[in-house]
Amino acid sequence: MNPLNHHPSEPARFLVASIDLLPKGRALDLAMGNGRNAIYLARMGFDVEGVDVSPEAVNSAMEAARQAGVAIRAQVADLETGYAIEKCAYEVVICFNYLQRSLFPQIKDGLRPGGMVVYETFIVDQAQYGKPKNPAYLLQYNELLDEFRDFRCLRYREGLVMEGDSRKAIAGIVAQKTPADGCERRDAADTGL
């Protein structure tokens, strides 16, 4: 069996393969969909929050979490207009199969020093294999790597993968916010110290 071929309710293989790299603590799942990755993180001991634009998806995620015996917090919000990532709040921020370039700076700011981003989505080659086809929702070559160049890259992959009988063109990164890019300076500035 191909290890990339998995049921839609199973967590993303890239997340599972990277779990030992991630610092325990507060985690945020952006565009969480049915909550498969949020539930997995909760099972692995993370304090998980998720956000999605679809009320049906959030309700489905909450029910799936309840059935799995884990607690997650989730909210309905439009990432493009009605949501801002809390600054210096998370050990882990994940995003799968969703591209909104304006979130990159917020993801960086939302992580605590030493925190990790796990991001995986489609690249431009995906248009020849299926949806999405709109270039606005497809990463350029090396774009994800370039976007997090100020982080320490711990894992990166880009290219074609097989999922069952279909090909997908994706890029994925696990990158760590450097301790030098800390929140302490911001915290001190906020308190007047």
N, C-alpha and C. Protein backbone atom coordinates (compact mmCIF):
# COMPACT_ATOMS: atom_id res chain seq x y z
N MET A 1 0.85 -1.19 0.00
CA MET A 1 0.00 0.00 0.00
C MET A 1 0.88 1.24 0.00
N ASN A 2 0.52 2.20 -0.81
CA ASN A 2 1.26 3.46 -0.88
C ASN A 2 1.03 4.24 0.41
N PRO A 3 2.09 4.65 1.12
CA PRO A 3 1.91 5.36 2.39
C PRO A 3 1.25 6.72 2.23
N LEU A 4 1.23 7.28 1.02
CA LEU A 4 0.58 8.58 0.84
C LEU A 4 -0.92 8.44 0.60
N ASN A 5 -1.36 7.21 0.28
CA ASN A 5 -2.77 6.98 0.03
C ASN A 5 -3.46 6.77 1.37
N HIS A 6 -4.36 7.68 1.73
CA HIS A 6 -5.01 7.56 3.03
C HIS A 6 -6.44 8.06 2.96
N HIS A 7 -7.20 7.68 3.93
CA HIS A 7 -8.60 8.07 4.03
C HIS A 7 -8.69 9.55 4.40
N PRO A 8 -9.71 10.27 3.88
CA PRO A 8 -9.83 11.71 4.16
C PRO A 8 -9.94 12.08 5.63
N SER A 9 -10.30 11.12 6.51
CA SER A 9 -10.38 11.45 7.93
C SER A 9 -9.05 11.18 8.66
N GLU A 10 -8.10 10.58 7.97
CA GLU A 10 -6.79 10.35 8.56
C GLU A 10 -5.95 11.62 8.47
N PRO A 11 -5.05 11.82 9.40
CA PRO A 11 -4.20 13.03 9.34
C PRO A 11 -3.28 12.99 8.12
N ALA A 12 -2.84 14.15 7.72
CA ALA A 12 -1.92 14.27 6.59
C ALA A 12 -0.64 13.51 6.90
N ARG A 13 -0.15 12.76 5.94
CA ARG A 13 1.07 11.95 6.13
C ARG A 13 2.27 12.83 6.47
N PHE A 14 2.34 14.01 5.87
CA PHE A 14 3.46 14.92 6.14
C PHE A 14 3.47 15.34 7.60
N LEU A 15 2.29 15.56 8.18
CA LEU A 15 2.19 15.92 9.59
C LEU A 15 2.61 14.74 10.47
N VAL A 16 2.11 13.57 10.16
CA VAL A 16 2.45 12.37 10.94
C VAL A 16 3.95 12.12 10.90
N ALA A 17 4.54 12.27 9.71
CA ALA A 17 5.99 12.02 9.56
C ALA A 17 6.83 13.06 10.30
N SER A 18 6.23 14.21 10.61
CA SER A 18 6.97 15.30 11.24
C SER A 18 6.67 15.49 12.71
N ILE A 19 5.78 14.68 13.27
CA ILE A 19 5.27 14.93 14.62
C ILE A 19 6.37 14.96 15.67
N ASP A 20 7.41 14.16 15.52
CA ASP A 20 8.47 14.13 16.53
C ASP A 20 9.32 15.39 16.54
N LEU A 21 9.21 16.20 15.52
CA LEU A 21 9.96 17.46 15.46
C LEU A 21 9.25 18.60 16.20
N LEU A 22 7.96 18.44 16.46
CA LEU A 22 7.14 19.55 16.93
C LEU A 22 7.17 19.69 18.45
N PRO A 23 7.34 20.94 18.93
CA PRO A 23 7.31 21.17 20.38
C PRO A 23 5.87 21.11 20.90
N LYS A 24 5.69 20.42 22.00
CA LYS A 24 4.35 20.31 22.59
C LYS A 24 3.89 21.68 23.09
N GLY A 25 2.58 21.87 23.09
CA GLY A 25 2.01 23.12 23.57
C GLY A 25 0.78 23.47 22.76
N ARG A 26 0.60 24.74 22.59
CA ARG A 26 -0.57 25.27 21.91
C ARG A 26 -0.37 25.19 20.40
N ALA A 27 -1.38 24.64 19.68
CA ALA A 27 -1.30 24.47 18.24
C ALA A 27 -2.52 25.07 17.57
N LEU A 28 -2.31 25.62 16.39
CA LEU A 28 -3.38 26.23 15.60
C LEU A 28 -3.43 25.55 14.24
N ASP A 29 -4.63 25.09 13.85
CA ASP A 29 -4.87 24.47 12.55
C ASP A 29 -5.69 25.45 11.71
N LEU A 30 -5.05 26.03 10.69
CA LEU A 30 -5.71 26.99 9.80
C LEU A 30 -6.42 26.25 8.67
N ALA A 31 -7.63 26.69 8.33
CA ALA A 31 -8.45 26.04 7.30
C ALA A 31 -8.56 24.55 7.63
N MET A 32 -9.03 24.27 8.83
CA MET A 32 -8.99 22.93 9.41
C MET A 32 -9.90 21.91 8.75
N GLY A 33 -10.88 22.34 7.97
CA GLY A 33 -11.78 21.39 7.32
C GLY A 33 -12.46 20.51 8.35
N ASN A 34 -12.43 19.18 8.11
CA ASN A 34 -13.12 18.24 9.00
C ASN A 34 -12.36 17.96 10.29
N GLY A 35 -11.21 18.61 10.48
CA GLY A 35 -10.48 18.51 11.74
C GLY A 35 -9.54 17.33 11.86
N ARG A 36 -9.29 16.63 10.76
CA ARG A 36 -8.46 15.41 10.82
C ARG A 36 -7.09 15.69 11.43
N ASN A 37 -6.47 16.82 11.08
CA ASN A 37 -5.14 17.14 11.61
C ASN A 37 -5.22 17.69 13.04
N ALA A 38 -6.25 18.47 13.32
CA ALA A 38 -6.43 19.00 14.68
C ALA A 38 -6.66 17.86 15.66
N ILE A 39 -7.48 16.89 15.28
CA ILE A 39 -7.76 15.74 16.14
C ILE A 39 -6.49 14.93 16.37
N TYR A 40 -5.71 14.74 15.33
CA TYR A 40 -4.45 14.02 15.47
C TYR A 40 -3.52 14.73 16.46
N LEU A 41 -3.39 16.05 16.32
CA LEU A 41 -2.53 16.80 17.24
C LEU A 41 -3.05 16.67 18.68
N ALA A 42 -4.37 16.75 18.86
CA ALA A 42 -4.93 16.60 20.21
C ALA A 42 -4.62 15.22 20.78
N ARG A 43 -4.71 14.19 19.95
CA ARG A 43 -4.37 12.83 20.40
C ARG A 43 -2.90 12.74 20.81
N MET A 44 -2.07 13.55 20.19
CA MET A 44 -0.64 13.52 20.46
C MET A 44 -0.26 14.45 21.61
N GLY A 45 -1.25 15.06 22.28
CA GLY A 45 -0.98 15.82 23.48
C GLY A 45 -0.89 17.33 23.31
N PHE A 46 -1.28 17.84 22.15
CA PHE A 46 -1.26 19.28 21.92
C PHE A 46 -2.58 19.91 22.39
N ASP A 47 -2.52 21.18 22.75
CA ASP A 47 -3.68 21.99 23.09
C ASP A 47 -4.10 22.67 21.78
N VAL A 48 -5.16 22.17 21.14
CA VAL A 48 -5.43 22.50 19.74
C VAL A 48 -6.61 23.44 19.56
N GLU A 49 -6.37 24.42 18.69
CA GLU A 49 -7.41 25.33 18.21
C GLU A 49 -7.47 25.20 16.70
N GLY A 50 -8.65 25.37 16.15
CA GLY A 50 -8.79 25.32 14.70
C GLY A 50 -9.73 26.40 14.23
N VAL A 51 -9.58 26.75 12.96
CA VAL A 51 -10.45 27.75 12.36
C VAL A 51 -10.76 27.34 10.93
N ASP A 52 -12.01 27.57 10.52
CA ASP A 52 -12.43 27.29 9.15
C ASP A 52 -13.61 28.19 8.82
N VAL A 53 -13.75 28.51 7.55
CA VAL A 53 -14.83 29.39 7.11
C VAL A 53 -16.19 28.67 7.11
N SER A 54 -16.17 27.34 7.06
CA SER A 54 -17.40 26.57 6.93
C SER A 54 -17.96 26.14 8.29
N PRO A 55 -19.18 26.58 8.62
CA PRO A 55 -19.81 26.13 9.87
C PRO A 55 -20.01 24.61 9.88
N GLU A 56 -20.32 24.04 8.72
CA GLU A 56 -20.50 22.59 8.63
C GLU A 56 -19.20 21.86 8.96
N ALA A 57 -18.09 22.36 8.41
CA ALA A 57 -16.78 21.73 8.67
C ALA A 57 -16.42 21.83 10.15
N VAL A 58 -16.64 22.98 10.76
CA VAL A 58 -16.32 23.15 12.18
C VAL A 58 -17.19 22.24 13.03
N ASN A 59 -18.48 22.17 12.73
CA ASN A 59 -19.37 21.27 13.48
C ASN A 59 -18.94 19.81 13.32
N SER A 60 -18.57 19.44 12.10
CA SER A 60 -18.10 18.08 11.82
C SER A 60 -16.82 17.79 12.60
N ALA A 61 -15.90 18.75 12.64
CA ALA A 61 -14.65 18.58 13.37
C ALA A 61 -14.90 18.42 14.87
N MET A 62 -15.79 19.22 15.42
CA MET A 62 -16.09 19.14 16.84
C MET A 62 -16.72 17.79 17.19
N GLU A 63 -17.62 17.32 16.33
CA GLU A 63 -18.25 16.01 16.56
C GLU A 63 -17.23 14.89 16.43
N ALA A 64 -16.36 14.97 15.43
CA ALA A 64 -15.32 13.94 15.25
C ALA A 64 -14.37 13.93 16.45
N ALA A 65 -14.04 15.10 16.98
CA ALA A 65 -13.17 15.18 18.16
C ALA A 65 -13.85 14.54 19.36
N ARG A 66 -15.13 14.84 19.53
CA ARG A 66 -15.89 14.24 20.64
C ARG A 66 -15.89 12.72 20.53
N GLN A 67 -16.14 12.22 19.33
CA GLN A 67 -16.16 10.76 19.11
C GLN A 67 -14.77 10.15 19.32
N ALA A 68 -13.72 10.91 19.04
CA ALA A 68 -12.35 10.43 19.22
C ALA A 68 -11.91 10.54 20.68
N GLY A 69 -12.70 11.22 21.50
CA GLY A 69 -12.37 11.36 22.91
C GLY A 69 -11.31 12.40 23.20
N VAL A 70 -11.19 13.39 22.32
CA VAL A 70 -10.24 14.47 22.53
C VAL A 70 -10.96 15.82 22.50
N ALA A 71 -10.32 16.80 23.10
CA ALA A 71 -10.89 18.14 23.12
C ALA A 71 -10.11 19.04 22.18
N ILE A 72 -10.84 19.75 21.34
CA ILE A 72 -10.26 20.81 20.52
C ILE A 72 -11.18 22.01 20.62
N ARG A 73 -10.63 23.18 20.38
CA ARG A 73 -11.45 24.38 20.27
C ARG A 73 -11.46 24.76 18.80
N ALA A 74 -12.62 25.17 18.32
CA ALA A 74 -12.71 25.52 16.90
C ALA A 74 -13.67 26.68 16.73
N GLN A 75 -13.39 27.48 15.72
CA GLN A 75 -14.28 28.60 15.44
C GLN A 75 -14.48 28.77 13.95
N VAL A 76 -15.64 29.31 13.63
CA VAL A 76 -15.96 29.65 12.25
C VAL A 76 -15.47 31.07 12.02
N ALA A 77 -14.61 31.24 11.03
CA ALA A 77 -14.11 32.57 10.69
C ALA A 77 -13.56 32.55 9.28
N ASP A 78 -13.66 33.66 8.61
CA ASP A 78 -13.10 33.82 7.27
C ASP A 78 -11.65 34.29 7.42
N LEU A 79 -10.72 33.45 7.04
CA LEU A 79 -9.30 33.78 7.19
C LEU A 79 -8.91 35.01 6.37
N GLU A 80 -9.67 35.31 5.32
CA GLU A 80 -9.34 36.45 4.47
C GLU A 80 -9.82 37.77 5.04
N THR A 81 -10.89 37.74 5.83
CA THR A 81 -11.45 39.03 6.28
C THR A 81 -11.73 39.13 7.77
N GLY A 82 -12.04 38.01 8.43
CA GLY A 82 -12.53 38.14 9.79
C GLY A 82 -11.72 37.44 10.85
N TYR A 83 -10.42 37.26 10.60
CA TYR A 83 -9.63 36.50 11.56
C TYR A 83 -8.21 37.02 11.57
N ALA A 84 -7.64 37.09 12.76
CA ALA A 84 -6.23 37.44 12.91
C ALA A 84 -5.60 36.45 13.88
N ILE A 85 -4.44 35.94 13.50
CA ILE A 85 -3.72 35.00 14.36
C ILE A 85 -3.14 35.77 15.54
N GLU A 86 -3.38 35.26 16.74
CA GLU A 86 -2.86 35.87 17.96
C GLU A 86 -1.32 35.86 17.92
N LYS A 87 -0.72 36.97 18.26
CA LYS A 87 0.74 37.08 18.20
C LYS A 87 1.42 36.33 19.34
N CYS A 88 2.55 35.69 19.00
CA CYS A 88 3.40 35.00 19.97
C CYS A 88 2.62 34.04 20.86
N ALA A 89 1.68 33.31 20.27
CA ALA A 89 0.77 32.50 21.06
C ALA A 89 0.94 31.00 20.90
N TYR A 90 1.59 30.55 19.84
CA TYR A 90 1.55 29.13 19.50
C TYR A 90 2.94 28.50 19.42
N GLU A 91 2.98 27.22 19.82
CA GLU A 91 4.19 26.42 19.58
C GLU A 91 4.17 25.85 18.17
N VAL A 92 2.96 25.61 17.63
CA VAL A 92 2.82 25.01 16.31
C VAL A 92 1.66 25.68 15.58
N VAL A 93 1.88 25.99 14.31
CA VAL A 93 0.81 26.42 13.40
C VAL A 93 0.89 25.52 12.18
N ILE A 94 -0.26 24.91 11.84
CA ILE A 94 -0.30 24.05 10.67
C ILE A 94 -1.32 24.56 9.65
N CYS A 95 -1.05 24.25 8.39
CA CYS A 95 -1.99 24.58 7.32
C CYS A 95 -1.77 23.57 6.20
N PHE A 96 -2.85 22.95 5.75
CA PHE A 96 -2.78 21.94 4.69
C PHE A 96 -3.82 22.24 3.61
N ASN A 97 -3.39 22.11 2.37
CA ASN A 97 -4.27 22.22 1.19
C ASN A 97 -5.03 23.54 1.13
N TYR A 98 -4.37 24.60 1.55
CA TYR A 98 -4.98 25.93 1.51
C TYR A 98 -3.85 26.93 1.33
N LEU A 99 -4.07 27.88 0.43
CA LEU A 99 -3.05 28.91 0.21
C LEU A 99 -3.68 30.29 0.29
N GLN A 100 -3.21 31.04 1.25
CA GLN A 100 -3.55 32.46 1.39
C GLN A 100 -2.25 33.14 1.77
N ARG A 101 -1.62 33.74 0.80
CA ARG A 101 -0.28 34.30 1.02
C ARG A 101 -0.25 35.37 2.11
N SER A 102 -1.34 36.08 2.30
CA SER A 102 -1.37 37.12 3.33
C SER A 102 -1.27 36.54 4.74
N LEU A 103 -1.45 35.22 4.90
CA LEU A 103 -1.33 34.59 6.21
C LEU A 103 0.12 34.35 6.62
N PHE A 104 1.05 34.31 5.66
CA PHE A 104 2.43 33.98 6.00
C PHE A 104 3.01 34.88 7.10
N PRO A 105 2.89 36.22 7.01
CA PRO A 105 3.42 37.05 8.09
C PRO A 105 2.70 36.81 9.43
N GLN A 106 1.39 36.55 9.37
CA GLN A 106 0.66 36.28 10.61
C GLN A 106 1.10 34.96 11.24
N ILE A 107 1.37 33.96 10.41
CA ILE A 107 1.86 32.67 10.94
C ILE A 107 3.18 32.89 11.66
N LYS A 108 4.07 33.62 11.03
CA LYS A 108 5.38 33.90 11.63
C LYS A 108 5.22 34.63 12.96
N ASP A 109 4.39 35.66 12.97
CA ASP A 109 4.17 36.43 14.20
C ASP A 109 3.43 35.64 15.27
N GLY A 110 2.61 34.68 14.86
CA GLY A 110 1.82 33.90 15.81
C GLY A 110 2.61 32.86 16.56
N LEU A 111 3.79 32.51 16.03
CA LEU A 111 4.62 31.50 16.68
C LEU A 111 5.48 32.10 17.77
N ARG A 112 5.66 31.36 18.83
CA ARG A 112 6.61 31.72 19.88
C ARG A 112 8.01 31.36 19.39
N PRO A 113 9.06 31.91 19.98
CA PRO A 113 10.42 31.50 19.61
C PRO A 113 10.59 30.00 19.78
N GLY A 114 11.16 29.36 18.77
CA GLY A 114 11.31 27.92 18.78
C GLY A 114 10.08 27.19 18.27
N GLY A 115 9.00 27.92 18.02
CA GLY A 115 7.78 27.33 17.48
C GLY A 115 7.96 26.89 16.04
N MET A 116 7.05 26.04 15.58
CA MET A 116 7.17 25.43 14.25
C MET A 116 5.93 25.66 13.41
N VAL A 117 6.19 25.85 12.13
CA VAL A 117 5.13 25.86 11.13
C VAL A 117 5.23 24.56 10.34
N VAL A 118 4.07 23.95 10.10
CA VAL A 118 3.98 22.81 9.20
C VAL A 118 2.96 23.21 8.14
N TYR A 119 3.43 23.39 6.92
CA TYR A 119 2.59 23.90 5.84
C TYR A 119 2.77 23.02 4.63
N GLU A 120 1.66 22.57 4.05
CA GLU A 120 1.72 21.77 2.84
C GLU A 120 0.53 22.12 1.96
N THR A 121 0.82 22.46 0.70
CA THR A 121 -0.25 22.73 -0.25
C THR A 121 0.26 22.53 -1.67
N PHE A 122 -0.56 22.86 -2.63
CA PHE A 122 -0.28 22.54 -4.03
C PHE A 122 0.64 23.56 -4.69
N ILE A 123 1.42 23.06 -5.65
CA ILE A 123 2.29 23.92 -6.47
C ILE A 123 1.70 24.03 -7.87
N VAL A 124 2.28 24.91 -8.69
CA VAL A 124 1.75 25.21 -10.02
C VAL A 124 1.54 23.99 -10.91
N ASP A 125 2.33 22.96 -10.76
CA ASP A 125 2.17 21.76 -11.58
C ASP A 125 0.85 21.05 -11.34
N GLN A 126 0.19 21.34 -10.21
CA GLN A 126 -1.08 20.68 -9.88
C GLN A 126 -2.13 20.92 -10.95
N ALA A 127 -2.09 22.04 -11.64
CA ALA A 127 -3.10 22.37 -12.65
C ALA A 127 -3.21 21.29 -13.72
N GLN A 128 -2.15 20.56 -14.00
CA GLN A 128 -2.22 19.51 -15.01
C GLN A 128 -2.75 18.19 -14.47
N TYR A 129 -2.92 18.08 -13.15
CA TYR A 129 -3.37 16.82 -12.55
C TYR A 129 -4.76 16.91 -11.92
N GLY A 130 -5.29 18.09 -11.76
CA GLY A 130 -6.60 18.24 -11.13
C GLY A 130 -6.69 19.56 -10.39
N LYS A 131 -7.70 19.66 -9.54
CA LYS A 131 -7.93 20.90 -8.80
C LYS A 131 -6.95 21.02 -7.65
N PRO A 132 -6.64 22.26 -7.24
CA PRO A 132 -7.05 23.52 -7.86
C PRO A 132 -6.24 23.82 -9.12
N LYS A 133 -6.84 24.60 -9.99
CA LYS A 133 -6.19 25.00 -11.24
C LYS A 133 -5.87 26.49 -11.27
N ASN A 134 -6.55 27.26 -10.44
CA ASN A 134 -6.35 28.70 -10.39
C ASN A 134 -4.96 29.02 -9.84
N PRO A 135 -4.12 29.73 -10.61
CA PRO A 135 -2.76 30.03 -10.15
C PRO A 135 -2.71 30.80 -8.82
N ALA A 136 -3.77 31.51 -8.47
CA ALA A 136 -3.80 32.25 -7.21
C ALA A 136 -3.73 31.29 -6.02
N TYR A 137 -4.13 30.03 -6.23
CA TYR A 137 -4.15 29.05 -5.15
C TYR A 137 -3.05 28.00 -5.28
N LEU A 138 -2.05 28.31 -6.11
CA LEU A 138 -0.95 27.38 -6.34
C LEU A 138 0.37 28.07 -6.07
N LEU A 139 1.22 27.42 -5.29
CA LEU A 139 2.54 27.96 -5.01
C LEU A 139 3.43 27.89 -6.25
N GLN A 140 4.27 28.87 -6.41
CA GLN A 140 5.33 28.82 -7.42
C GLN A 140 6.42 27.88 -6.91
N TYR A 141 7.32 27.49 -7.80
CA TYR A 141 8.43 26.64 -7.38
C TYR A 141 9.24 27.34 -6.28
N ASN A 142 9.55 26.62 -5.24
CA ASN A 142 10.36 27.10 -4.11
C ASN A 142 9.74 28.26 -3.33
N GLU A 143 8.51 28.62 -3.62
CA GLU A 143 7.88 29.76 -2.95
C GLU A 143 7.74 29.53 -1.44
N LEU A 144 7.33 28.35 -1.07
CA LEU A 144 7.15 28.06 0.36
C LEU A 144 8.50 28.09 1.08
N LEU A 145 9.50 27.52 0.47
CA LEU A 145 10.84 27.54 1.04
C LEU A 145 11.34 28.98 1.16
N ASP A 146 11.09 29.76 0.14
CA ASP A 146 11.51 31.16 0.13
C ASP A 146 10.77 31.97 1.19
N GLU A 147 9.48 31.70 1.33
CA GLU A 147 8.65 32.46 2.28
C GLU A 147 9.14 32.30 3.72
N PHE A 148 9.66 31.11 4.04
CA PHE A 148 10.12 30.85 5.41
C PHE A 148 11.65 30.79 5.48
N ARG A 149 12.32 31.53 4.61
CA ARG A 149 13.79 31.54 4.58
C ARG A 149 14.41 32.10 5.86
N ASP A 150 13.65 32.91 6.61
CA ASP A 150 14.16 33.45 7.86
C ASP A 150 13.94 32.49 9.04
N PHE A 151 13.33 31.36 8.77
CA PHE A 151 13.15 30.29 9.77
C PHE A 151 14.20 29.21 9.50
N ARG A 152 14.39 28.34 10.47
CA ARG A 152 15.28 27.18 10.28
C ARG A 152 14.45 26.06 9.65
N CYS A 153 14.79 25.67 8.44
CA CYS A 153 14.07 24.62 7.73
C CYS A 153 14.53 23.26 8.23
N LEU A 154 13.60 22.49 8.77
CA LEU A 154 13.91 21.15 9.28
C LEU A 154 13.50 20.05 8.30
N ARG A 155 12.52 20.34 7.47
CA ARG A 155 12.06 19.36 6.48
C ARG A 155 11.40 20.13 5.34
N TYR A 156 11.72 19.70 4.12
CA TYR A 156 11.10 20.33 2.95
C TYR A 156 10.97 19.29 1.85
N ARG A 157 9.86 19.36 1.18
CA ARG A 157 9.68 18.53 -0.01
C ARG A 157 8.85 19.31 -1.02
N GLU A 158 9.14 19.05 -2.29
CA GLU A 158 8.40 19.72 -3.36
C GLU A 158 8.45 18.83 -4.58
N GLY A 159 7.30 18.65 -5.20
CA GLY A 159 7.24 17.85 -6.43
C GLY A 159 5.99 17.01 -6.47
N LEU A 160 6.07 15.93 -7.24
CA LEU A 160 4.93 15.05 -7.44
C LEU A 160 4.92 13.93 -6.43
N VAL A 161 3.75 13.62 -5.90
CA VAL A 161 3.56 12.46 -5.04
C VAL A 161 2.38 11.67 -5.60
N MET A 162 2.40 10.40 -5.34
CA MET A 162 1.29 9.53 -5.76
C MET A 162 0.36 9.31 -4.57
N GLU A 163 -0.92 9.49 -4.81
CA GLU A 163 -1.94 9.15 -3.82
C GLU A 163 -2.91 8.21 -4.53
N GLY A 164 -2.76 6.92 -4.26
CA GLY A 164 -3.55 5.93 -4.98
C GLY A 164 -3.12 5.95 -6.44
N ASP A 165 -4.09 6.16 -7.32
CA ASP A 165 -3.80 6.20 -8.75
C ASP A 165 -3.62 7.62 -9.26
N SER A 166 -3.67 8.59 -8.38
CA SER A 166 -3.57 9.98 -8.85
C SER A 166 -2.27 10.64 -8.38
N ARG A 167 -1.85 11.60 -9.19
CA ARG A 167 -0.66 12.39 -8.84
C ARG A 167 -1.10 13.72 -8.26
N LYS A 168 -0.31 14.19 -7.32
CA LYS A 168 -0.52 15.53 -6.77
C LYS A 168 0.81 16.24 -6.75
N ALA A 169 0.77 17.51 -7.09
CA ALA A 169 1.98 18.33 -7.08
C ALA A 169 1.92 19.23 -5.85
N ILE A 170 2.82 19.00 -4.91
CA ILE A 170 2.74 19.69 -3.62
C ILE A 170 4.11 20.19 -3.17
N ALA A 171 4.05 21.10 -2.22
CA ALA A 171 5.25 21.51 -1.48
C ALA A 171 4.86 21.48 -0.01
N GLY A 172 5.81 21.05 0.82
CA GLY A 172 5.58 21.00 2.26
C GLY A 172 6.83 21.40 3.01
N ILE A 173 6.63 22.12 4.11
CA ILE A 173 7.77 22.57 4.92
C ILE A 173 7.47 22.39 6.40
N VAL A 174 8.49 22.06 7.14
CA VAL A 174 8.49 22.14 8.60
C VAL A 174 9.63 23.09 8.92
N ALA A 175 9.31 24.22 9.53
CA ALA A 175 10.33 25.23 9.80
C ALA A 175 10.13 25.80 11.19
N GLN A 176 11.24 26.19 11.80
CA GLN A 176 11.24 26.65 13.19
C GLN A 176 11.60 28.13 13.27
N LYS A 177 10.79 28.84 14.04
CA LYS A 177 11.09 30.24 14.32
C LYS A 177 12.32 30.29 15.22
N THR A 178 13.30 31.08 14.84
CA THR A 178 14.55 31.10 15.60
C THR A 178 14.35 31.80 16.94
N PRO A 179 15.04 31.33 17.97
CA PRO A 179 14.93 31.97 19.28
C PRO A 179 15.31 33.44 19.25
N ALA A 180 16.19 33.83 18.31
CA ALA A 180 16.59 35.24 18.22
C ALA A 180 15.44 36.13 17.78
N ASP A 181 14.46 35.55 17.08
CA ASP A 181 13.30 36.31 16.64
C ASP A 181 12.20 36.13 17.66
N GLY A 182 12.47 36.60 18.87
CA GLY A 182 11.60 36.30 19.99
C GLY A 182 10.46 37.27 20.18
N CYS A 183 9.56 36.85 21.04
CA CYS A 183 8.42 37.67 21.43
C CYS A 183 8.75 38.51 22.64
N GLU A 184 9.88 38.21 23.30
CA GLU A 184 10.23 38.93 24.52
C GLU A 184 10.35 40.43 24.27
N ARG A 185 10.95 40.78 23.14
CA ARG A 185 11.10 42.21 22.81
C ARG A 185 9.74 42.88 22.69
N ARG A 186 8.83 42.17 22.02
CA ARG A 186 7.48 42.71 21.89
C ARG A 186 6.80 42.81 23.23
N ASP A 187 6.95 41.74 24.04
CA ASP A 187 6.34 41.73 25.36
C ASP A 187 6.87 42.90 26.20
N ALA A 188 8.17 43.13 26.16
CA ALA A 188 8.77 44.22 26.92
C ALA A 188 8.26 45.57 26.42
N ALA A 189 8.15 45.69 25.09
CA ALA A 189 7.66 46.95 24.53
C ALA A 189 6.21 47.19 24.93
N ASP A 190 5.42 46.11 24.95
CA ASP A 190 4.01 46.24 25.30
C ASP A 190 3.82 46.66 26.76
N THR A 191 4.74 46.25 27.64
CA THR A 191 4.59 46.56 29.05
C THR A 191 5.36 47.82 29.45
N GLY A 192 6.08 48.40 28.48
CA GLY A 192 6.83 49.61 28.76
C GLY A 192 8.17 49.37 29.43
N LEU A 193 8.63 48.12 29.47
CA LEU A 193 9.93 47.77 30.08
C LEU A 193 11.06 48.03 29.12
